[in-house]
């Protein structure tokens, strides 16, 4: 009886559009809430709204990244046991996603700390901090794209394997080397912590331009 291939049950991994959609949906949600709140905000009201937005986006990003990492870590033993091929190297990409999730959380915490500072005392400052935080978190998600693309290739390849063709060592070894080389060329490395004030050029200018346009469209 052929063993069940767990990779056939895995979903398609998130791409850059999924992370962009997470930002859009959350900002639209907050914009809707603001329309029913009193026009005379207190600083505490602003702090609550903008911290919640940053935290929500960070949680969404982290959940996506950690979810993929967790699923691949669970399936890792089955690869070595069932297919006996050199796919242990793919754990490098898995750990990169975990580092990215940590960096997203660290970045969000840094911006939320700035939002509770006494000098953050106007709507304009809250909006600027929100925009910067979204840009930096999205930049981290973009940096994780090569790892996600690599793991999705692994998922597709492993899902196509059966007991009858799982011993194709040359094919599997070539695939592993090909995608690991791609991963190394992309330089997918993340800091375990992010010092928010000292992050230089954190986001693609096109990303910040997109966020600025979105902010203007929704009056944020």
N, C-alpha and C. Protein backbone atom coordinates (compact mmCIF):
# COMPACT_ATOMS: atom_id res chain seq x y z
N UNK A 1 0.85 -1.20 0.00
CA UNK A 1 0.00 0.00 0.00
C UNK A 1 0.88 1.25 0.00
N UNK A 2 0.61 2.15 -0.91
CA UNK A 2 1.45 3.33 -1.04
C UNK A 2 1.17 4.32 0.09
N UNK A 3 2.26 4.86 0.66
CA UNK A 3 2.12 5.83 1.75
C UNK A 3 1.53 7.13 1.21
N UNK A 4 0.79 7.80 2.08
CA UNK A 4 0.17 9.07 1.69
C UNK A 4 1.23 10.15 1.56
N UNK A 5 1.15 10.93 0.52
CA UNK A 5 2.08 12.02 0.29
C UNK A 5 1.51 13.29 0.91
N UNK A 6 2.07 13.79 2.03
CA UNK A 6 1.50 14.96 2.71
C UNK A 6 1.57 16.23 1.89
N UNK A 7 2.48 16.29 0.93
CA UNK A 7 2.62 17.50 0.14
C UNK A 7 1.45 17.72 -0.81
N UNK A 8 0.71 16.67 -1.10
CA UNK A 8 -0.46 16.82 -1.97
C UNK A 8 -1.59 17.56 -1.27
N UNK A 9 -1.54 17.63 0.06
CA UNK A 9 -2.58 18.32 0.81
C UNK A 9 -2.25 19.79 1.07
N UNK A 10 -1.02 20.17 0.80
CA UNK A 10 -0.59 21.54 1.10
C UNK A 10 -1.18 22.54 0.11
N UNK A 11 -1.48 23.72 0.62
CA UNK A 11 -2.02 24.78 -0.23
C UNK A 11 -0.89 25.50 -0.95
N UNK A 12 -1.27 26.26 -1.98
CA UNK A 12 -0.30 27.10 -2.67
C UNK A 12 0.22 28.14 -1.68
N UNK A 13 1.50 28.38 -1.69
CA UNK A 13 2.10 29.29 -0.72
C UNK A 13 1.76 30.75 -1.06
N UNK A 14 1.73 31.63 -0.05
CA UNK A 14 1.39 33.03 -0.30
C UNK A 14 2.43 33.71 -1.18
N UNK A 15 1.97 34.68 -1.96
CA UNK A 15 2.88 35.46 -2.78
C UNK A 15 2.79 36.92 -2.37
N UNK A 16 3.47 37.78 -3.10
CA UNK A 16 3.54 39.18 -2.70
C UNK A 16 2.17 39.85 -2.71
N UNK A 17 1.27 39.41 -3.60
CA UNK A 17 -0.07 40.00 -3.65
C UNK A 17 -0.88 39.68 -2.40
N UNK A 18 -0.64 38.52 -1.81
CA UNK A 18 -1.35 38.16 -0.59
C UNK A 18 -0.97 39.08 0.56
N UNK A 19 0.29 39.48 0.62
CA UNK A 19 0.73 40.39 1.67
C UNK A 19 0.19 41.81 1.40
N UNK A 20 0.16 42.20 0.13
CA UNK A 20 -0.40 43.51 -0.21
C UNK A 20 -1.88 43.56 0.14
N UNK A 21 -2.60 42.47 -0.13
CA UNK A 21 -4.03 42.41 0.18
C UNK A 21 -4.28 42.52 1.68
N UNK A 22 -3.38 41.97 2.48
CA UNK A 22 -3.53 42.05 3.94
C UNK A 22 -3.46 43.50 4.41
N UNK A 23 -2.58 44.29 3.78
CA UNK A 23 -2.48 45.71 4.12
C UNK A 23 -3.73 46.45 3.69
N UNK A 24 -4.15 46.21 2.45
CA UNK A 24 -5.32 46.92 1.91
C UNK A 24 -6.57 46.64 2.73
N UNK A 25 -6.82 45.37 3.03
CA UNK A 25 -8.04 45.02 3.76
C UNK A 25 -8.06 45.62 5.15
N UNK A 26 -6.90 45.66 5.81
CA UNK A 26 -6.86 46.22 7.17
C UNK A 26 -7.05 47.73 7.15
N UNK A 27 -6.42 48.41 6.22
CA UNK A 27 -6.57 49.86 6.14
C UNK A 27 -8.01 50.23 5.79
N UNK A 28 -8.61 49.48 4.88
CA UNK A 28 -10.01 49.75 4.54
C UNK A 28 -10.92 49.54 5.75
N UNK A 29 -10.60 48.53 6.55
CA UNK A 29 -11.39 48.26 7.76
C UNK A 29 -11.28 49.43 8.73
N UNK A 30 -10.06 49.94 8.93
CA UNK A 30 -9.87 51.05 9.85
C UNK A 30 -10.53 52.32 9.32
N UNK A 31 -10.48 52.53 8.00
CA UNK A 31 -11.12 53.70 7.41
C UNK A 31 -12.62 53.67 7.65
N UNK A 32 -13.21 52.47 7.57
CA UNK A 32 -14.64 52.32 7.83
C UNK A 32 -14.97 52.64 9.28
N UNK A 33 -14.11 52.19 10.19
CA UNK A 33 -14.34 52.47 11.61
C UNK A 33 -14.27 53.97 11.88
N UNK A 34 -13.31 54.65 11.26
CA UNK A 34 -13.13 56.08 11.50
C UNK A 34 -14.35 56.89 11.07
N UNK A 35 -15.10 56.40 10.10
CA UNK A 35 -16.26 57.15 9.63
C UNK A 35 -17.39 57.19 10.65
N UNK A 36 -17.39 56.25 11.60
CA UNK A 36 -18.47 56.22 12.59
C UNK A 36 -18.00 56.70 13.96
N UNK A 37 -16.75 57.10 14.06
CA UNK A 37 -16.24 57.62 15.33
C UNK A 37 -16.42 59.13 15.38
N UNK A 38 -16.46 59.71 16.56
CA UNK A 38 -16.57 61.17 16.68
C UNK A 38 -15.40 61.85 15.98
N UNK A 39 -15.67 63.03 15.45
CA UNK A 39 -14.62 63.75 14.74
C UNK A 39 -13.54 64.27 15.68
N UNK A 40 -13.89 64.47 16.93
CA UNK A 40 -12.92 64.99 17.90
C UNK A 40 -12.19 63.83 18.57
N UNK A 41 -11.13 63.37 17.92
CA UNK A 41 -10.33 62.28 18.48
C UNK A 41 -9.48 62.78 19.64
N UNK A 42 -9.29 61.95 20.61
CA UNK A 42 -8.26 62.21 21.61
C UNK A 42 -7.00 61.49 21.15
N UNK A 43 -5.89 61.85 21.75
CA UNK A 43 -4.63 61.18 21.40
C UNK A 43 -4.72 59.69 21.69
N UNK A 44 -5.38 59.34 22.77
CA UNK A 44 -5.53 57.92 23.11
C UNK A 44 -6.35 57.17 22.07
N UNK A 45 -7.37 57.84 21.51
CA UNK A 45 -8.17 57.22 20.44
C UNK A 45 -7.28 56.92 19.22
N UNK A 46 -6.49 57.92 18.84
CA UNK A 46 -5.59 57.76 17.69
C UNK A 46 -4.57 56.66 17.95
N UNK A 47 -4.02 56.69 19.15
CA UNK A 47 -3.01 55.68 19.50
C UNK A 47 -3.59 54.27 19.41
N UNK A 48 -4.80 54.12 19.91
CA UNK A 48 -5.45 52.81 19.89
C UNK A 48 -5.69 52.33 18.46
N UNK A 49 -6.22 53.21 17.61
CA UNK A 49 -6.55 52.85 16.23
C UNK A 49 -5.30 52.49 15.43
N UNK A 50 -4.28 53.34 15.53
CA UNK A 50 -3.09 53.13 14.70
C UNK A 50 -2.22 51.98 15.21
N UNK A 51 -2.15 51.82 16.52
CA UNK A 51 -1.42 50.66 17.05
C UNK A 51 -2.10 49.36 16.63
N UNK A 52 -3.43 49.37 16.67
CA UNK A 52 -4.18 48.17 16.30
C UNK A 52 -3.95 47.82 14.83
N UNK A 53 -3.87 48.84 13.98
CA UNK A 53 -3.64 48.58 12.56
C UNK A 53 -2.26 47.96 12.33
N UNK A 54 -1.25 48.55 12.97
CA UNK A 54 0.11 48.01 12.83
C UNK A 54 0.17 46.58 13.35
N UNK A 55 -0.42 46.34 14.51
CA UNK A 55 -0.39 45.01 15.11
C UNK A 55 -1.13 43.99 14.24
N UNK A 56 -2.27 44.40 13.69
CA UNK A 56 -3.06 43.49 12.88
C UNK A 56 -2.31 43.06 11.62
N UNK A 57 -1.68 44.02 10.94
CA UNK A 57 -0.92 43.69 9.73
C UNK A 57 0.28 42.81 10.08
N UNK A 58 0.95 43.14 11.18
CA UNK A 58 2.10 42.33 11.61
C UNK A 58 1.68 40.90 11.91
N UNK A 59 0.55 40.74 12.59
CA UNK A 59 0.06 39.39 12.91
C UNK A 59 -0.30 38.63 11.64
N UNK A 60 -0.92 39.33 10.69
CA UNK A 60 -1.29 38.69 9.43
C UNK A 60 -0.04 38.20 8.68
N UNK A 61 0.97 39.07 8.61
CA UNK A 61 2.21 38.70 7.93
C UNK A 61 2.89 37.53 8.64
N UNK A 62 2.99 37.64 9.96
CA UNK A 62 3.67 36.60 10.74
C UNK A 62 2.95 35.26 10.63
N UNK A 63 1.62 35.32 10.65
CA UNK A 63 0.83 34.08 10.54
C UNK A 63 1.09 33.39 9.20
N UNK A 64 1.16 34.19 8.13
CA UNK A 64 1.41 33.62 6.81
C UNK A 64 2.79 32.95 6.76
N UNK A 65 3.79 33.67 7.27
CA UNK A 65 5.16 33.16 7.20
C UNK A 65 5.37 31.96 8.13
N UNK A 66 4.91 32.11 9.36
CA UNK A 66 5.07 31.01 10.32
C UNK A 66 4.24 29.79 9.94
N UNK A 67 3.08 30.04 9.32
CA UNK A 67 2.22 28.93 8.90
C UNK A 67 2.92 28.04 7.88
N UNK A 68 3.59 28.68 6.92
CA UNK A 68 4.33 27.92 5.91
C UNK A 68 5.49 27.17 6.57
N UNK A 69 6.23 27.88 7.42
CA UNK A 69 7.38 27.26 8.09
C UNK A 69 6.95 26.06 8.92
N UNK A 70 5.86 26.23 9.64
CA UNK A 70 5.38 25.15 10.51
C UNK A 70 4.98 23.92 9.68
N UNK A 71 4.30 24.16 8.57
CA UNK A 71 3.84 23.04 7.74
C UNK A 71 5.01 22.27 7.13
N UNK A 72 6.03 23.01 6.69
CA UNK A 72 7.18 22.34 6.11
C UNK A 72 8.02 21.64 7.16
N UNK A 73 8.10 22.21 8.35
CA UNK A 73 8.84 21.53 9.42
C UNK A 73 8.17 20.22 9.80
N UNK A 74 6.84 20.22 9.79
CA UNK A 74 6.11 18.99 10.12
C UNK A 74 6.34 17.91 9.07
N UNK A 75 6.47 18.33 7.81
CA UNK A 75 6.64 17.37 6.73
C UNK A 75 8.09 16.97 6.48
N UNK A 76 9.01 17.67 7.13
CA UNK A 76 10.43 17.40 6.89
C UNK A 76 10.82 15.95 7.18
N UNK A 77 10.42 15.35 8.31
CA UNK A 77 10.79 13.95 8.56
C UNK A 77 10.26 12.99 7.50
N UNK A 78 9.07 13.28 7.00
CA UNK A 78 8.48 12.37 6.01
C UNK A 78 9.25 12.40 4.70
N UNK A 79 9.91 13.51 4.41
CA UNK A 79 10.70 13.59 3.19
C UNK A 79 11.90 12.65 3.29
N UNK A 80 12.63 12.77 4.40
CA UNK A 80 13.82 11.94 4.57
C UNK A 80 13.45 10.46 4.68
N UNK A 81 12.37 10.18 5.37
CA UNK A 81 11.99 8.79 5.61
C UNK A 81 11.41 8.14 4.36
N UNK A 82 10.56 8.88 3.64
CA UNK A 82 9.82 8.27 2.52
C UNK A 82 10.59 8.34 1.21
N UNK A 83 11.19 9.49 0.96
CA UNK A 83 11.81 9.67 -0.35
C UNK A 83 13.32 9.48 -0.34
N UNK A 84 13.92 9.55 0.84
CA UNK A 84 15.35 9.33 0.98
C UNK A 84 16.14 10.19 0.00
N UNK A 85 15.80 11.46 -0.05
CA UNK A 85 16.52 12.33 -0.95
C UNK A 85 17.04 13.54 -0.16
N UNK A 86 18.01 14.24 -0.70
CA UNK A 86 18.69 15.31 0.04
C UNK A 86 17.89 16.60 0.12
N UNK A 87 16.72 16.54 0.74
CA UNK A 87 15.91 17.74 0.85
C UNK A 87 16.00 18.38 2.24
N UNK A 88 16.93 17.89 3.09
CA UNK A 88 17.12 18.54 4.38
C UNK A 88 17.57 19.97 4.20
N UNK A 89 18.22 20.27 3.07
CA UNK A 89 18.72 21.62 2.81
C UNK A 89 17.60 22.64 2.71
N UNK A 90 16.41 22.18 2.43
CA UNK A 90 15.31 23.15 2.28
C UNK A 90 14.94 23.79 3.60
N UNK A 91 15.44 23.23 4.71
CA UNK A 91 15.18 23.83 6.01
C UNK A 91 15.81 25.21 6.11
N UNK A 92 16.82 25.49 5.30
CA UNK A 92 17.39 26.83 5.26
C UNK A 92 16.31 27.84 4.92
N UNK A 93 15.52 27.54 3.90
CA UNK A 93 14.44 28.44 3.49
C UNK A 93 13.37 28.53 4.57
N UNK A 94 13.08 27.41 5.23
CA UNK A 94 12.09 27.40 6.30
C UNK A 94 12.51 28.34 7.42
N UNK A 95 13.78 28.27 7.81
CA UNK A 95 14.26 29.14 8.88
C UNK A 95 14.28 30.60 8.45
N UNK A 96 14.50 30.86 7.17
CA UNK A 96 14.45 32.24 6.69
C UNK A 96 13.05 32.83 6.88
N UNK A 97 12.03 32.02 6.67
CA UNK A 97 10.66 32.50 6.90
C UNK A 97 10.42 32.79 8.37
N UNK A 98 10.98 31.96 9.24
CA UNK A 98 10.84 32.19 10.67
C UNK A 98 11.55 33.47 11.09
N UNK A 99 12.73 33.71 10.52
CA UNK A 99 13.46 34.94 10.81
C UNK A 99 12.68 36.16 10.30
N UNK A 100 12.10 36.02 9.12
CA UNK A 100 11.32 37.12 8.55
C UNK A 100 10.13 37.45 9.44
N UNK A 101 9.45 36.42 9.94
CA UNK A 101 8.30 36.64 10.82
C UNK A 101 8.73 37.36 12.09
N UNK A 102 9.90 36.97 12.62
CA UNK A 102 10.41 37.64 13.82
C UNK A 102 10.74 39.09 13.54
N UNK A 103 11.34 39.34 12.38
CA UNK A 103 11.69 40.70 12.01
C UNK A 103 10.45 41.57 11.85
N UNK A 104 9.39 41.01 11.28
CA UNK A 104 8.12 41.73 11.14
C UNK A 104 7.57 42.11 12.51
N UNK A 105 7.56 41.15 13.43
CA UNK A 105 7.05 41.40 14.77
C UNK A 105 7.89 42.45 15.49
N UNK A 106 9.21 42.33 15.35
CA UNK A 106 10.11 43.30 15.98
C UNK A 106 9.89 44.70 15.43
N UNK A 107 9.73 44.80 14.12
CA UNK A 107 9.49 46.09 13.49
C UNK A 107 8.18 46.71 13.96
N UNK A 108 7.13 45.90 14.01
CA UNK A 108 5.83 46.39 14.48
C UNK A 108 5.92 46.88 15.92
N UNK A 109 6.61 46.13 16.77
CA UNK A 109 6.76 46.53 18.17
C UNK A 109 7.51 47.85 18.28
N UNK A 110 8.52 48.03 17.43
CA UNK A 110 9.27 49.28 17.45
C UNK A 110 8.40 50.47 17.09
N UNK A 111 7.57 50.32 16.09
CA UNK A 111 6.69 51.43 15.69
C UNK A 111 5.60 51.68 16.73
N UNK A 112 5.10 50.63 17.33
CA UNK A 112 4.08 50.83 18.37
C UNK A 112 4.67 51.51 19.59
N UNK A 113 5.93 51.26 19.89
CA UNK A 113 6.59 51.98 20.98
C UNK A 113 6.70 53.45 20.65
N UNK A 114 7.01 53.75 19.38
CA UNK A 114 7.08 55.16 18.99
C UNK A 114 5.73 55.85 19.10
N UNK A 115 4.66 55.10 18.87
CA UNK A 115 3.32 55.68 18.93
C UNK A 115 2.88 56.03 20.35
N UNK A 116 3.52 55.43 21.34
CA UNK A 116 3.14 55.77 22.72
C UNK A 116 4.05 56.82 23.32
N UNK A 117 5.03 57.29 22.55
CA UNK A 117 5.89 58.37 23.02
C UNK A 117 5.10 59.67 23.14
N UNK A 118 5.52 60.52 24.04
CA UNK A 118 4.82 61.79 24.26
C UNK A 118 4.88 62.70 23.04
N UNK A 119 5.98 62.59 22.27
CA UNK A 119 6.10 63.48 21.12
C UNK A 119 5.25 63.03 19.93
N UNK A 120 4.61 61.88 20.03
CA UNK A 120 3.66 61.45 18.99
C UNK A 120 2.30 62.00 19.40
N UNK A 121 2.05 63.24 19.02
CA UNK A 121 0.90 63.96 19.57
C UNK A 121 -0.01 64.58 18.51
N UNK A 122 0.03 64.05 17.29
CA UNK A 122 -0.84 64.60 16.25
C UNK A 122 -1.24 63.49 15.28
N UNK A 123 -2.35 63.72 14.59
CA UNK A 123 -2.83 62.76 13.60
C UNK A 123 -1.80 62.55 12.50
N UNK A 124 -1.14 63.64 12.10
CA UNK A 124 -0.14 63.56 11.04
C UNK A 124 1.00 62.61 11.42
N UNK A 125 1.45 62.70 12.66
CA UNK A 125 2.55 61.84 13.11
C UNK A 125 2.13 60.37 13.14
N UNK A 126 0.90 60.12 13.58
CA UNK A 126 0.41 58.74 13.60
C UNK A 126 0.34 58.18 12.18
N UNK A 127 -0.12 59.00 11.25
CA UNK A 127 -0.23 58.54 9.86
C UNK A 127 1.14 58.25 9.25
N UNK A 128 2.10 59.11 9.56
CA UNK A 128 3.46 58.90 9.04
C UNK A 128 4.08 57.63 9.60
N UNK A 129 3.87 57.40 10.91
CA UNK A 129 4.40 56.18 11.52
C UNK A 129 3.73 54.94 10.95
N UNK A 130 2.42 55.04 10.72
CA UNK A 130 1.70 53.90 10.14
C UNK A 130 2.25 53.58 8.75
N UNK A 131 2.40 54.60 7.93
CA UNK A 131 2.87 54.39 6.56
C UNK A 131 4.27 53.78 6.56
N UNK A 132 5.14 54.30 7.42
CA UNK A 132 6.50 53.78 7.49
C UNK A 132 6.52 52.33 7.97
N UNK A 133 5.68 52.04 8.95
CA UNK A 133 5.65 50.67 9.48
C UNK A 133 5.16 49.68 8.43
N UNK A 134 4.13 50.07 7.68
CA UNK A 134 3.61 49.19 6.63
C UNK A 134 4.66 48.96 5.54
N UNK A 135 5.35 50.04 5.17
CA UNK A 135 6.38 49.93 4.15
C UNK A 135 7.51 49.00 4.57
N UNK A 136 7.92 49.12 5.82
CA UNK A 136 9.03 48.29 6.30
C UNK A 136 8.62 46.83 6.47
N UNK A 137 7.42 46.61 6.95
CA UNK A 137 6.96 45.22 7.09
C UNK A 137 6.77 44.58 5.72
N UNK A 138 6.27 45.36 4.77
CA UNK A 138 6.09 44.83 3.42
C UNK A 138 7.44 44.53 2.78
N UNK A 139 8.44 45.37 3.08
CA UNK A 139 9.78 45.12 2.56
C UNK A 139 10.34 43.80 3.08
N UNK A 140 10.06 43.49 4.34
CA UNK A 140 10.50 42.21 4.90
C UNK A 140 9.77 41.05 4.23
N UNK A 141 8.48 41.24 3.96
CA UNK A 141 7.72 40.20 3.27
C UNK A 141 8.28 39.99 1.86
N UNK A 142 8.62 41.09 1.18
CA UNK A 142 9.22 40.98 -0.16
C UNK A 142 10.54 40.20 -0.12
N UNK A 143 11.30 40.43 0.94
CA UNK A 143 12.58 39.74 1.07
C UNK A 143 12.40 38.24 1.26
N UNK A 144 11.23 37.86 1.76
CA UNK A 144 10.94 36.43 1.97
C UNK A 144 10.44 35.74 0.70
N UNK A 145 10.17 36.51 -0.35
CA UNK A 145 9.60 35.92 -1.56
C UNK A 145 10.46 34.81 -2.18
N UNK A 146 11.79 34.99 -2.27
CA UNK A 146 12.59 33.89 -2.84
C UNK A 146 12.47 32.60 -2.03
N UNK A 147 12.43 32.73 -0.70
CA UNK A 147 12.27 31.54 0.14
C UNK A 147 10.92 30.88 -0.10
N UNK A 148 9.88 31.70 -0.21
CA UNK A 148 8.55 31.16 -0.46
C UNK A 148 8.48 30.51 -1.84
N UNK A 149 9.10 31.17 -2.83
CA UNK A 149 9.10 30.61 -4.19
C UNK A 149 9.85 29.28 -4.22
N UNK A 150 10.97 29.22 -3.51
CA UNK A 150 11.74 27.98 -3.44
C UNK A 150 10.93 26.87 -2.81
N UNK A 151 10.28 27.16 -1.68
CA UNK A 151 9.50 26.14 -0.98
C UNK A 151 8.28 25.71 -1.79
N UNK A 152 7.72 26.63 -2.56
CA UNK A 152 6.58 26.24 -3.40
C UNK A 152 7.04 25.30 -4.51
N UNK A 153 8.25 25.52 -5.01
CA UNK A 153 8.80 24.58 -6.00
C UNK A 153 9.02 23.21 -5.36
N UNK A 154 9.50 23.21 -4.12
CA UNK A 154 9.68 21.95 -3.40
C UNK A 154 8.33 21.26 -3.23
N UNK A 155 7.33 22.06 -2.83
CA UNK A 155 5.98 21.50 -2.62
C UNK A 155 5.47 20.84 -3.89
N UNK A 156 5.57 21.56 -5.00
CA UNK A 156 5.08 21.01 -6.26
C UNK A 156 5.85 19.76 -6.67
N UNK A 157 7.16 19.81 -6.51
CA UNK A 157 7.99 18.66 -6.89
C UNK A 157 7.65 17.45 -6.03
N UNK A 158 7.58 17.65 -4.71
CA UNK A 158 7.32 16.53 -3.81
C UNK A 158 5.90 15.99 -3.97
N UNK A 159 4.96 16.88 -4.30
CA UNK A 159 3.58 16.43 -4.50
C UNK A 159 3.47 15.53 -5.73
N UNK A 160 4.40 15.68 -6.65
CA UNK A 160 4.35 14.86 -7.88
C UNK A 160 5.06 13.52 -7.71
N UNK A 161 5.74 13.35 -6.57
CA UNK A 161 6.48 12.10 -6.34
C UNK A 161 5.55 10.98 -5.89
N UNK A 162 5.87 9.77 -6.32
CA UNK A 162 5.17 8.57 -5.85
C UNK A 162 6.21 7.55 -5.43
N UNK A 163 5.76 6.46 -4.84
CA UNK A 163 6.70 5.41 -4.44
C UNK A 163 7.50 4.89 -5.63
N UNK A 164 6.86 4.87 -6.80
CA UNK A 164 7.52 4.30 -7.97
C UNK A 164 8.62 5.19 -8.53
N UNK A 165 8.48 6.52 -8.33
CA UNK A 165 9.52 7.40 -8.88
C UNK A 165 10.32 8.12 -7.80
N UNK A 166 10.09 7.80 -6.53
CA UNK A 166 10.76 8.51 -5.44
C UNK A 166 12.24 8.19 -5.36
N UNK A 167 12.71 7.16 -6.06
CA UNK A 167 14.11 6.80 -6.01
C UNK A 167 14.92 7.47 -7.12
N UNK A 168 14.33 8.45 -7.77
CA UNK A 168 15.03 9.14 -8.85
C UNK A 168 16.01 10.14 -8.24
N UNK A 169 17.12 9.64 -7.73
CA UNK A 169 18.05 10.46 -6.97
C UNK A 169 18.65 11.59 -7.79
N UNK A 170 19.06 11.28 -9.03
CA UNK A 170 19.69 12.30 -9.85
C UNK A 170 18.75 13.48 -10.06
N UNK A 171 17.48 13.18 -10.34
CA UNK A 171 16.49 14.23 -10.57
C UNK A 171 16.30 15.07 -9.31
N UNK A 172 16.12 14.41 -8.18
CA UNK A 172 15.85 15.12 -6.93
C UNK A 172 17.06 15.93 -6.49
N UNK A 173 18.26 15.36 -6.64
CA UNK A 173 19.47 16.06 -6.23
C UNK A 173 19.67 17.30 -7.09
N UNK A 174 19.42 17.19 -8.39
CA UNK A 174 19.56 18.33 -9.29
C UNK A 174 18.57 19.43 -8.92
N UNK A 175 17.34 19.04 -8.60
CA UNK A 175 16.33 20.03 -8.23
C UNK A 175 16.72 20.75 -6.95
N UNK A 176 17.20 20.00 -5.96
CA UNK A 176 17.60 20.60 -4.69
C UNK A 176 18.74 21.59 -4.89
N UNK A 177 19.76 21.18 -5.66
CA UNK A 177 20.90 22.05 -5.89
C UNK A 177 20.50 23.30 -6.66
N UNK A 178 19.63 23.13 -7.63
CA UNK A 178 19.19 24.26 -8.45
C UNK A 178 18.53 25.33 -7.60
N UNK A 179 17.58 24.93 -6.75
CA UNK A 179 16.83 25.92 -5.99
C UNK A 179 17.61 26.45 -4.79
N UNK A 180 18.52 25.63 -4.23
CA UNK A 180 19.35 26.15 -3.16
C UNK A 180 20.32 27.19 -3.70
N UNK A 181 20.84 26.99 -4.90
CA UNK A 181 21.71 27.97 -5.53
C UNK A 181 20.95 29.27 -5.75
N UNK A 182 19.71 29.16 -6.20
CA UNK A 182 18.86 30.34 -6.41
C UNK A 182 18.67 31.08 -5.10
N UNK A 183 18.43 30.34 -4.02
CA UNK A 183 18.21 30.94 -2.72
C UNK A 183 19.45 31.68 -2.24
N UNK A 184 20.62 31.08 -2.43
CA UNK A 184 21.86 31.71 -2.01
C UNK A 184 22.14 32.97 -2.82
N UNK A 185 21.84 32.93 -4.11
CA UNK A 185 22.06 34.09 -4.96
C UNK A 185 21.19 35.27 -4.55
N UNK A 186 20.00 34.98 -4.04
CA UNK A 186 19.09 36.04 -3.62
C UNK A 186 19.50 36.64 -2.28
N UNK A 187 20.38 35.96 -1.55
CA UNK A 187 20.83 36.49 -0.27
C UNK A 187 19.70 36.65 0.73
N UNK A 188 18.88 35.64 0.88
CA UNK A 188 17.72 35.72 1.77
C UNK A 188 18.14 35.56 3.23
N UNK A 189 18.51 36.63 3.85
CA UNK A 189 18.90 36.58 5.26
C UNK A 189 18.19 37.70 6.01
N UNK A 190 17.77 37.40 7.22
CA UNK A 190 17.02 38.35 8.01
C UNK A 190 17.66 38.52 9.38
N UNK A 191 17.64 39.74 9.91
CA UNK A 191 18.10 39.93 11.29
C UNK A 191 17.07 39.37 12.26
N UNK A 192 17.53 38.93 13.42
CA UNK A 192 16.59 38.41 14.41
C UNK A 192 15.83 39.55 15.07
N UNK A 193 16.43 40.74 15.07
CA UNK A 193 15.75 41.92 15.61
C UNK A 193 15.95 43.06 14.63
N UNK A 194 15.06 44.03 14.68
CA UNK A 194 15.16 45.19 13.79
C UNK A 194 15.14 46.45 14.64
N UNK A 195 16.19 47.26 14.51
CA UNK A 195 16.24 48.54 15.21
C UNK A 195 15.54 49.56 14.33
N UNK A 196 14.30 49.86 14.65
CA UNK A 196 13.45 50.66 13.76
C UNK A 196 14.08 51.98 13.34
N UNK A 197 14.60 52.79 14.28
CA UNK A 197 15.12 54.10 13.86
C UNK A 197 16.33 54.01 12.95
N UNK A 198 17.03 52.86 12.94
CA UNK A 198 18.27 52.76 12.20
C UNK A 198 18.18 51.91 10.93
N UNK A 199 16.98 51.56 10.52
CA UNK A 199 16.83 50.78 9.29
C UNK A 199 16.97 51.72 8.09
N UNK A 200 17.98 51.50 7.29
CA UNK A 200 18.23 52.38 6.14
C UNK A 200 17.56 51.82 4.89
N UNK A 201 16.88 52.71 4.16
CA UNK A 201 16.23 52.32 2.90
C UNK A 201 15.48 51.01 3.03
N UNK A 202 14.51 50.93 3.94
CA UNK A 202 13.87 49.64 4.23
C UNK A 202 12.92 49.14 3.17
N UNK A 203 12.36 50.04 2.39
CA UNK A 203 11.31 49.62 1.47
C UNK A 203 11.60 50.10 0.06
N UNK A 204 11.13 49.34 -0.89
CA UNK A 204 11.22 49.72 -2.28
C UNK A 204 10.45 51.03 -2.48
N UNK A 205 11.05 52.01 -3.17
CA UNK A 205 10.34 53.28 -3.41
C UNK A 205 8.98 53.07 -4.07
N UNK A 206 8.87 52.06 -4.91
CA UNK A 206 7.59 51.78 -5.56
C UNK A 206 6.53 51.36 -4.54
N UNK A 207 6.97 50.64 -3.50
CA UNK A 207 6.05 50.22 -2.44
C UNK A 207 5.55 51.44 -1.68
N UNK A 208 6.48 52.33 -1.32
CA UNK A 208 6.09 53.53 -0.58
C UNK A 208 5.20 54.42 -1.42
N UNK A 209 5.47 54.49 -2.73
CA UNK A 209 4.62 55.28 -3.63
C UNK A 209 3.21 54.69 -3.68
N UNK A 210 3.13 53.37 -3.75
CA UNK A 210 1.83 52.69 -3.75
C UNK A 210 1.06 52.98 -2.46
N UNK A 211 1.76 52.92 -1.33
CA UNK A 211 1.12 53.19 -0.04
C UNK A 211 0.67 54.64 0.05
N UNK A 212 1.49 55.55 -0.46
CA UNK A 212 1.11 56.97 -0.46
C UNK A 212 -0.15 57.20 -1.28
N UNK A 213 -0.21 56.58 -2.46
CA UNK A 213 -1.40 56.71 -3.31
C UNK A 213 -2.63 56.13 -2.62
N UNK A 214 -2.45 54.99 -1.99
CA UNK A 214 -3.56 54.35 -1.30
C UNK A 214 -4.04 55.21 -0.14
N UNK A 215 -3.08 55.82 0.56
CA UNK A 215 -3.42 56.68 1.69
C UNK A 215 -4.23 57.89 1.22
N UNK A 216 -3.83 58.48 0.10
CA UNK A 216 -4.56 59.64 -0.42
C UNK A 216 -5.97 59.25 -0.88
N UNK A 217 -6.09 58.10 -1.50
CA UNK A 217 -7.39 57.65 -1.99
C UNK A 217 -8.40 57.47 -0.86
N UNK A 218 -7.90 57.02 0.30
CA UNK A 218 -8.79 56.73 1.41
C UNK A 218 -8.75 57.80 2.50
N UNK A 219 -8.04 58.90 2.23
CA UNK A 219 -8.01 59.99 3.19
C UNK A 219 -7.34 59.63 4.50
N UNK A 220 -6.33 58.76 4.45
CA UNK A 220 -5.67 58.32 5.68
C UNK A 220 -4.47 59.20 5.99
